[in-house]
Amino acid sequence: MIRHLPLLALAIACAACSKPPQPHEPPTPQARAETPWDSLETQKKKAQDVQKTVDEQAKAQAKAVDAESQ
């Protein structure tokens, strides 16, 4: 019995130190933090929209010039 006492004490100590398993939950989504490039991306998008509008107007004007010349 005395030979088994250290093993029994070790098992009890290990059981007392262990934590119960935590339930696995996905992390909560965090709010998107603004990066230094966000303002540049906004400016780039605006410039692309302006260029698209200018291209459409140029195409319409070219059609009107072609229609007048015929």
N, C-alpha and C. Protein backbone atom coordinates (compact mmCIF):
# COMPACT_ATOMS: atom_id res chain seq x y z
N MET A 1 0.82 -1.20 0.00
CA MET A 1 0.00 0.00 0.00
C MET A 1 0.86 1.26 0.00
N ILE A 2 1.96 1.23 0.75
CA ILE A 2 2.83 2.39 0.84
C ILE A 2 3.51 2.65 -0.51
N ARG A 3 3.75 1.59 -1.32
CA ARG A 3 4.36 1.78 -2.63
C ARG A 3 3.42 2.52 -3.57
N HIS A 4 2.15 2.36 -3.41
CA HIS A 4 1.17 2.99 -4.29
C HIS A 4 0.79 4.40 -3.85
N LEU A 5 1.19 4.78 -2.66
CA LEU A 5 0.84 6.09 -2.14
C LEU A 5 1.40 7.24 -2.98
N PRO A 6 2.67 7.22 -3.44
CA PRO A 6 3.17 8.32 -4.28
C PRO A 6 2.42 8.41 -5.61
N LEU A 7 2.08 7.27 -6.20
CA LEU A 7 1.33 7.29 -7.46
C LEU A 7 -0.07 7.86 -7.25
N LEU A 8 -0.68 7.49 -6.14
CA LEU A 8 -2.01 8.02 -5.84
C LEU A 8 -1.95 9.52 -5.59
N ALA A 9 -0.92 9.99 -4.90
CA ALA A 9 -0.76 11.43 -4.63
C ALA A 9 -0.51 12.17 -5.94
N LEU A 10 0.28 11.61 -6.83
CA LEU A 10 0.55 12.24 -8.12
C LEU A 10 -0.73 12.32 -8.95
N ALA A 11 -1.52 11.29 -8.97
CA ALA A 11 -2.76 11.29 -9.74
C ALA A 11 -3.74 12.33 -9.19
N ILE A 12 -3.83 12.44 -7.88
CA ILE A 12 -4.73 13.43 -7.27
C ILE A 12 -4.23 14.84 -7.55
N ALA A 13 -2.92 15.07 -7.51
CA ALA A 13 -2.37 16.39 -7.78
C ALA A 13 -2.62 16.79 -9.23
N CYS A 14 -2.45 15.85 -10.14
CA CYS A 14 -2.69 16.15 -11.56
C CYS A 14 -4.16 16.45 -11.81
N ALA A 15 -5.03 15.71 -11.17
CA ALA A 15 -6.47 15.92 -11.36
C ALA A 15 -6.90 17.27 -10.78
N ALA A 16 -6.28 17.68 -9.68
CA ALA A 16 -6.65 18.95 -9.07
C ALA A 16 -6.14 20.14 -9.88
N CYS A 17 -5.04 19.98 -10.60
CA CYS A 17 -4.45 21.08 -11.35
C CYS A 17 -5.09 21.27 -12.73
N SER A 18 -5.70 20.24 -13.25
CA SER A 18 -6.24 20.35 -14.61
C SER A 18 -7.50 21.19 -14.61
N LYS A 19 -7.68 21.95 -15.71
CA LYS A 19 -8.86 22.80 -15.87
C LYS A 19 -9.88 22.05 -16.70
N PRO A 20 -11.15 22.29 -16.47
CA PRO A 20 -12.15 21.64 -17.31
C PRO A 20 -12.05 22.20 -18.73
N PRO A 21 -12.34 21.41 -19.74
CA PRO A 21 -12.23 21.90 -21.11
C PRO A 21 -13.24 23.02 -21.39
N GLN A 22 -12.75 24.02 -22.08
CA GLN A 22 -13.61 25.15 -22.44
C GLN A 22 -14.41 24.79 -23.69
N PRO A 23 -15.67 25.18 -23.75
CA PRO A 23 -16.44 24.92 -24.97
C PRO A 23 -15.86 25.72 -26.13
N HIS A 24 -15.81 25.09 -27.29
CA HIS A 24 -15.22 25.75 -28.45
C HIS A 24 -16.26 26.65 -29.10
N GLU A 25 -16.03 27.94 -29.03
CA GLU A 25 -16.91 28.93 -29.64
C GLU A 25 -16.10 29.73 -30.64
N PRO A 26 -16.67 30.06 -31.77
CA PRO A 26 -15.92 30.88 -32.73
C PRO A 26 -15.71 32.28 -32.15
N PRO A 27 -14.62 32.91 -32.49
CA PRO A 27 -14.37 34.26 -31.96
C PRO A 27 -15.41 35.24 -32.49
N THR A 28 -15.75 36.20 -31.67
CA THR A 28 -16.71 37.20 -32.10
C THR A 28 -16.06 38.10 -33.14
N PRO A 29 -16.79 38.48 -34.18
CA PRO A 29 -16.20 39.35 -35.20
C PRO A 29 -15.89 40.73 -34.64
N GLN A 30 -14.75 41.22 -35.00
CA GLN A 30 -14.33 42.54 -34.53
C GLN A 30 -14.71 43.58 -35.58
N ALA A 31 -14.88 44.79 -35.14
CA ALA A 31 -15.16 45.88 -36.07
C ALA A 31 -13.92 46.11 -36.93
N ARG A 32 -14.14 46.45 -38.19
CA ARG A 32 -13.04 46.65 -39.11
C ARG A 32 -12.31 47.94 -38.73
N ALA A 33 -11.01 47.81 -38.54
CA ALA A 33 -10.20 48.97 -38.18
C ALA A 33 -9.79 49.69 -39.46
N GLU A 34 -9.80 51.00 -39.40
CA GLU A 34 -9.42 51.80 -40.57
C GLU A 34 -7.90 51.71 -40.75
N THR A 35 -7.50 51.50 -41.99
CA THR A 35 -6.08 51.43 -42.30
C THR A 35 -5.66 52.71 -43.01
N PRO A 36 -4.37 52.98 -43.10
CA PRO A 36 -3.92 54.20 -43.79
C PRO A 36 -4.27 54.22 -45.27
N TRP A 37 -4.53 53.05 -45.86
CA TRP A 37 -4.81 52.98 -47.29
C TRP A 37 -6.29 53.17 -47.61
N ASP A 38 -7.14 53.21 -46.61
CA ASP A 38 -8.58 53.35 -46.88
C ASP A 38 -8.90 54.65 -47.62
N SER A 39 -8.29 55.74 -47.22
CA SER A 39 -8.57 57.01 -47.89
C SER A 39 -8.05 56.98 -49.32
N LEU A 40 -6.92 56.32 -49.54
CA LEU A 40 -6.39 56.21 -50.90
C LEU A 40 -7.29 55.34 -51.77
N GLU A 41 -7.82 54.28 -51.20
CA GLU A 41 -8.74 53.43 -51.96
C GLU A 41 -10.01 54.19 -52.33
N THR A 42 -10.49 55.03 -51.42
CA THR A 42 -11.68 55.84 -51.70
C THR A 42 -11.40 56.83 -52.82
N GLN A 43 -10.24 57.46 -52.78
CA GLN A 43 -9.87 58.40 -53.84
C GLN A 43 -9.70 57.69 -55.17
N LYS A 44 -9.12 56.50 -55.15
CA LYS A 44 -8.93 55.73 -56.37
C LYS A 44 -10.27 55.35 -56.98
N LYS A 45 -11.22 54.92 -56.16
CA LYS A 45 -12.55 54.55 -56.64
C LYS A 45 -13.25 55.76 -57.25
N LYS A 46 -13.12 56.90 -56.60
CA LYS A 46 -13.74 58.13 -57.11
C LYS A 46 -13.13 58.51 -58.46
N ALA A 47 -11.80 58.41 -58.57
CA ALA A 47 -11.12 58.74 -59.83
C ALA A 47 -11.55 57.78 -60.94
N GLN A 48 -11.72 56.51 -60.62
CA GLN A 48 -12.17 55.55 -61.62
C GLN A 48 -13.58 55.88 -62.10
N ASP A 49 -14.44 56.28 -61.17
CA ASP A 49 -15.81 56.65 -61.54
C ASP A 49 -15.82 57.89 -62.44
N VAL A 50 -14.98 58.85 -62.12
CA VAL A 50 -14.89 60.07 -62.93
C VAL A 50 -14.37 59.72 -64.33
N GLN A 51 -13.35 58.88 -64.41
CA GLN A 51 -12.80 58.48 -65.70
C GLN A 51 -13.84 57.74 -66.53
N LYS A 52 -14.63 56.91 -65.90
CA LYS A 52 -15.68 56.18 -66.60
C LYS A 52 -16.70 57.16 -67.19
N THR A 53 -17.08 58.17 -66.41
CA THR A 53 -18.03 59.17 -66.87
C THR A 53 -17.45 59.96 -68.05
N VAL A 54 -16.18 60.35 -67.96
CA VAL A 54 -15.54 61.11 -69.03
C VAL A 54 -15.47 60.26 -70.31
N ASP A 55 -15.14 58.98 -70.15
CA ASP A 55 -15.07 58.09 -71.33
C ASP A 55 -16.44 57.95 -71.99
N GLU A 56 -17.49 57.83 -71.18
CA GLU A 56 -18.85 57.72 -71.74
C GLU A 56 -19.24 59.00 -72.48
N GLN A 57 -18.90 60.14 -71.90
CA GLN A 57 -19.22 61.41 -72.55
C GLN A 57 -18.42 61.58 -73.84
N ALA A 58 -17.17 61.17 -73.86
CA ALA A 58 -16.35 61.26 -75.07
C ALA A 58 -16.90 60.36 -76.16
N LYS A 59 -17.36 59.17 -75.78
CA LYS A 59 -17.94 58.25 -76.75
C LYS A 59 -19.22 58.84 -77.33
N ALA A 60 -20.05 59.42 -76.48
CA ALA A 60 -21.30 60.03 -76.95
C ALA A 60 -21.01 61.21 -77.87
N GLN A 61 -20.00 62.00 -77.54
CA GLN A 61 -19.65 63.15 -78.37
C GLN A 61 -19.08 62.67 -79.72
N ALA A 62 -18.29 61.62 -79.72
CA ALA A 62 -17.75 61.09 -80.97
C ALA A 62 -18.88 60.57 -81.86
N LYS A 63 -19.89 59.94 -81.27
CA LYS A 63 -21.04 59.47 -82.04
C LYS A 63 -21.79 60.65 -82.65
N ALA A 64 -21.94 61.71 -81.85
CA ALA A 64 -22.66 62.90 -82.36
C ALA A 64 -21.88 63.55 -83.51
N VAL A 65 -20.56 63.61 -83.42
CA VAL A 65 -19.74 64.20 -84.50
C VAL A 65 -19.84 63.32 -85.75
N ASP A 66 -19.79 62.01 -85.57
CA ASP A 66 -19.90 61.10 -86.71
C ASP A 66 -21.27 61.22 -87.37
N ALA A 67 -22.31 61.39 -86.55
CA ALA A 67 -23.66 61.52 -87.11
C ALA A 67 -23.80 62.81 -87.89
N GLU A 68 -23.17 63.90 -87.45
CA GLU A 68 -23.25 65.18 -88.17
C GLU A 68 -22.46 65.14 -89.46
N SER A 69 -21.34 64.44 -89.48
CA SER A 69 -20.48 64.43 -90.67
C SER A 69 -21.06 63.56 -91.79
N GLN A 70 -22.00 62.72 -91.50
CA GLN A 70 -22.58 61.87 -92.56
C GLN A 70 -23.71 62.51 -93.25
